[in-house]
Amino acid sequence: MNWLKGNFCNGAARAVLIGAIAALTLGASACTLGGAAAGGYVGNKATDGSAVGTVGGAVAGGVIGHELGK
């Protein structure tokens, strides 16, 4: 997984990628994964690329997606 260490994947993108892999591993539904991806993107853009904003957005989006998928 050397591509995770290169310029292709900065800290925020790496955090979202690892979160998405973890969600898939845990058997998350499509709504949860889609919400996490959308939330991570919005969080990244709203905080000018902050890793904390990206992860926070992904968590919030995942929760919203999970609730909508019930």
N, C-alpha and C. Protein backbone atom coordinates (compact mmCIF):
# COMPACT_ATOMS: atom_id res chain seq x y z
N MET A 1 0.83 -1.18 0.00
CA MET A 1 0.00 0.00 0.00
C MET A 1 0.87 1.25 0.00
N ASN A 2 1.90 1.25 -0.82
CA ASN A 2 2.78 2.40 -0.90
C ASN A 2 2.09 3.64 -1.43
N TRP A 3 1.03 3.48 -2.21
CA TRP A 3 0.34 4.64 -2.75
C TRP A 3 -0.31 5.48 -1.65
N LEU A 4 -0.54 4.91 -0.46
CA LEU A 4 -1.08 5.69 0.66
C LEU A 4 -0.05 6.67 1.21
N LYS A 5 1.22 6.41 0.95
CA LYS A 5 2.28 7.25 1.49
C LYS A 5 2.68 8.37 0.54
N GLY A 6 2.29 8.30 -0.71
CA GLY A 6 2.70 9.30 -1.71
C GLY A 6 1.83 10.54 -1.69
N ASN A 7 2.05 11.38 -2.70
CA ASN A 7 1.29 12.62 -2.83
C ASN A 7 -0.15 12.37 -3.25
N PHE A 8 -0.43 11.19 -3.77
CA PHE A 8 -1.78 10.87 -4.22
C PHE A 8 -2.79 10.99 -3.10
N CYS A 9 -2.39 10.67 -1.91
CA CYS A 9 -3.34 10.57 -0.81
C CYS A 9 -2.83 11.40 0.37
N ASN A 10 -3.34 12.65 0.51
CA ASN A 10 -2.91 13.48 1.63
C ASN A 10 -3.56 13.01 2.93
N GLY A 11 -3.29 13.68 4.02
CA GLY A 11 -3.77 13.24 5.33
C GLY A 11 -5.28 13.13 5.42
N ALA A 12 -6.00 14.12 4.89
CA ALA A 12 -7.46 14.11 4.98
C ALA A 12 -8.04 12.99 4.11
N ALA A 13 -7.52 12.86 2.91
CA ALA A 13 -8.02 11.81 2.03
C ALA A 13 -7.70 10.44 2.59
N ARG A 14 -6.55 10.31 3.21
CA ARG A 14 -6.16 9.04 3.82
C ARG A 14 -7.12 8.68 4.95
N ALA A 15 -7.51 9.68 5.75
CA ALA A 15 -8.43 9.43 6.86
C ALA A 15 -9.79 8.97 6.35
N VAL A 16 -10.27 9.61 5.29
CA VAL A 16 -11.56 9.22 4.71
C VAL A 16 -11.47 7.82 4.11
N LEU A 17 -10.38 7.55 3.44
CA LEU A 17 -10.20 6.23 2.82
C LEU A 17 -10.16 5.14 3.89
N ILE A 18 -9.43 5.37 4.94
CA ILE A 18 -9.35 4.37 6.01
C ILE A 18 -10.71 4.21 6.68
N GLY A 19 -11.43 5.33 6.86
CA GLY A 19 -12.78 5.24 7.43
C GLY A 19 -13.73 4.46 6.55
N ALA A 20 -13.63 4.68 5.25
CA ALA A 20 -14.50 3.96 4.31
C ALA A 20 -14.18 2.47 4.31
N ILE A 21 -12.90 2.14 4.36
CA ILE A 21 -12.52 0.73 4.41
C ILE A 21 -13.01 0.09 5.70
N ALA A 22 -12.88 0.82 6.80
CA ALA A 22 -13.36 0.30 8.08
C ALA A 22 -14.87 0.09 8.05
N ALA A 23 -15.60 1.05 7.45
CA ALA A 23 -17.05 0.92 7.38
C ALA A 23 -17.45 -0.29 6.54
N LEU A 24 -16.76 -0.50 5.43
CA LEU A 24 -17.06 -1.66 4.59
C LEU A 24 -16.73 -2.95 5.32
N THR A 25 -15.65 -2.94 6.06
CA THR A 25 -15.25 -4.12 6.80
C THR A 25 -16.28 -4.48 7.86
N LEU A 26 -16.85 -3.48 8.48
CA LEU A 26 -17.83 -3.71 9.54
C LEU A 26 -19.23 -3.99 8.99
N GLY A 27 -19.38 -3.99 7.68
CA GLY A 27 -20.66 -4.33 7.08
C GLY A 27 -21.65 -3.19 7.06
N ALA A 28 -21.18 -1.98 6.85
CA ALA A 28 -22.07 -0.83 6.82
C ALA A 28 -22.98 -0.89 5.60
N SER A 29 -24.16 -0.32 5.74
CA SER A 29 -25.09 -0.30 4.61
C SER A 29 -24.66 0.75 3.61
N ALA A 30 -25.26 0.72 2.43
CA ALA A 30 -24.92 1.68 1.39
C ALA A 30 -25.27 3.10 1.81
N CYS A 31 -26.34 3.27 2.55
CA CYS A 31 -26.72 4.61 3.01
C CYS A 31 -25.67 5.17 3.96
N THR A 32 -25.17 4.35 4.84
CA THR A 32 -24.16 4.80 5.79
C THR A 32 -22.87 5.16 5.07
N LEU A 33 -22.44 4.31 4.15
CA LEU A 33 -21.21 4.57 3.42
C LEU A 33 -21.35 5.80 2.53
N GLY A 34 -22.47 5.92 1.85
CA GLY A 34 -22.71 7.10 1.01
C GLY A 34 -22.77 8.37 1.83
N GLY A 35 -23.42 8.30 2.98
CA GLY A 35 -23.48 9.47 3.86
C GLY A 35 -22.11 9.84 4.38
N ALA A 36 -21.31 8.85 4.71
CA ALA A 36 -19.96 9.13 5.21
C ALA A 36 -19.09 9.76 4.12
N ALA A 37 -19.21 9.25 2.91
CA ALA A 37 -18.43 9.82 1.81
C ALA A 37 -18.85 11.26 1.52
N ALA A 38 -20.15 11.49 1.46
CA ALA A 38 -20.65 12.84 1.20
C ALA A 38 -20.29 13.78 2.35
N GLY A 39 -20.45 13.32 3.57
CA GLY A 39 -20.11 14.14 4.73
C GLY A 39 -18.62 14.45 4.80
N GLY A 40 -17.79 13.48 4.46
CA GLY A 40 -16.35 13.70 4.42
C GLY A 40 -15.95 14.73 3.39
N TYR A 41 -16.58 14.67 2.24
CA TYR A 41 -16.30 15.65 1.18
C TYR A 41 -16.71 17.05 1.62
N VAL A 42 -17.92 17.17 2.15
CA VAL A 42 -18.41 18.48 2.59
C VAL A 42 -17.55 19.00 3.75
N GLY A 43 -17.22 18.14 4.69
CA GLY A 43 -16.37 18.55 5.80
C GLY A 43 -15.00 19.01 5.35
N ASN A 44 -14.45 18.32 4.35
CA ASN A 44 -13.15 18.70 3.81
C ASN A 44 -13.21 20.08 3.16
N LYS A 45 -14.24 20.32 2.36
CA LYS A 45 -14.37 21.60 1.66
C LYS A 45 -14.73 22.73 2.62
N ALA A 46 -15.56 22.45 3.61
CA ALA A 46 -15.98 23.49 4.55
C ALA A 46 -14.85 23.94 5.47
N THR A 47 -13.88 23.07 5.71
CA THR A 47 -12.79 23.41 6.63
C THR A 47 -11.46 23.59 5.90
N ASP A 48 -11.52 23.82 4.60
CA ASP A 48 -10.32 24.05 3.78
C ASP A 48 -9.31 22.92 3.89
N GLY A 49 -9.78 21.70 3.86
CA GLY A 49 -8.90 20.54 3.83
C GLY A 49 -8.44 20.03 5.18
N SER A 50 -9.05 20.49 6.26
CA SER A 50 -8.67 20.03 7.59
C SER A 50 -9.03 18.56 7.75
N ALA A 51 -8.08 17.78 8.27
CA ALA A 51 -8.34 16.35 8.50
C ALA A 51 -9.43 16.16 9.54
N VAL A 52 -9.43 17.00 10.57
CA VAL A 52 -10.45 16.88 11.61
C VAL A 52 -11.83 17.20 11.04
N GLY A 53 -11.92 18.22 10.20
CA GLY A 53 -13.19 18.56 9.56
C GLY A 53 -13.67 17.47 8.63
N THR A 54 -12.74 16.84 7.93
CA THR A 54 -13.10 15.76 7.02
C THR A 54 -13.64 14.56 7.78
N VAL A 55 -12.93 14.17 8.82
CA VAL A 55 -13.37 13.01 9.62
C VAL A 55 -14.68 13.33 10.34
N GLY A 56 -14.78 14.55 10.87
CA GLY A 56 -16.03 14.95 11.53
C GLY A 56 -17.21 14.94 10.58
N GLY A 57 -17.01 15.43 9.37
CA GLY A 57 -18.06 15.40 8.37
C GLY A 57 -18.44 13.98 7.98
N ALA A 58 -17.43 13.12 7.88
CA ALA A 58 -17.69 11.71 7.54
C ALA A 58 -18.49 11.02 8.63
N VAL A 59 -18.15 11.32 9.88
CA VAL A 59 -18.89 10.72 10.99
C VAL A 59 -20.33 11.21 10.99
N ALA A 60 -20.51 12.52 10.85
CA ALA A 60 -21.86 13.08 10.84
C ALA A 60 -22.67 12.54 9.66
N GLY A 61 -22.05 12.50 8.49
CA GLY A 61 -22.74 11.96 7.32
C GLY A 61 -23.09 10.50 7.47
N GLY A 62 -22.20 9.73 8.08
CA GLY A 62 -22.47 8.32 8.30
C GLY A 62 -23.63 8.10 9.24
N VAL A 63 -23.71 8.92 10.30
CA VAL A 63 -24.82 8.82 11.23
C VAL A 63 -26.13 9.17 10.54
N ILE A 64 -26.12 10.25 9.78
CA ILE A 64 -27.34 10.66 9.07
C ILE A 64 -27.74 9.59 8.06
N GLY A 65 -26.77 9.07 7.31
CA GLY A 65 -27.07 8.00 6.36
C GLY A 65 -27.62 6.76 7.02
N HIS A 66 -27.08 6.44 8.17
CA HIS A 66 -27.58 5.27 8.91
C HIS A 66 -29.02 5.48 9.36
N GLU A 67 -29.32 6.64 9.86
CA GLU A 67 -30.69 6.93 10.32
C GLU A 67 -31.68 6.96 9.15
N LEU A 68 -31.26 7.49 8.02
CA LEU A 68 -32.14 7.53 6.86
C LEU A 68 -32.36 6.14 6.26
N GLY A 69 -31.37 5.26 6.45
CA GLY A 69 -31.47 3.91 5.91
C GLY A 69 -32.31 2.95 6.73
N LYS A 70 -32.76 3.38 7.90
CA LYS A 70 -33.56 2.48 8.76
C LYS A 70 -34.92 2.25 8.20
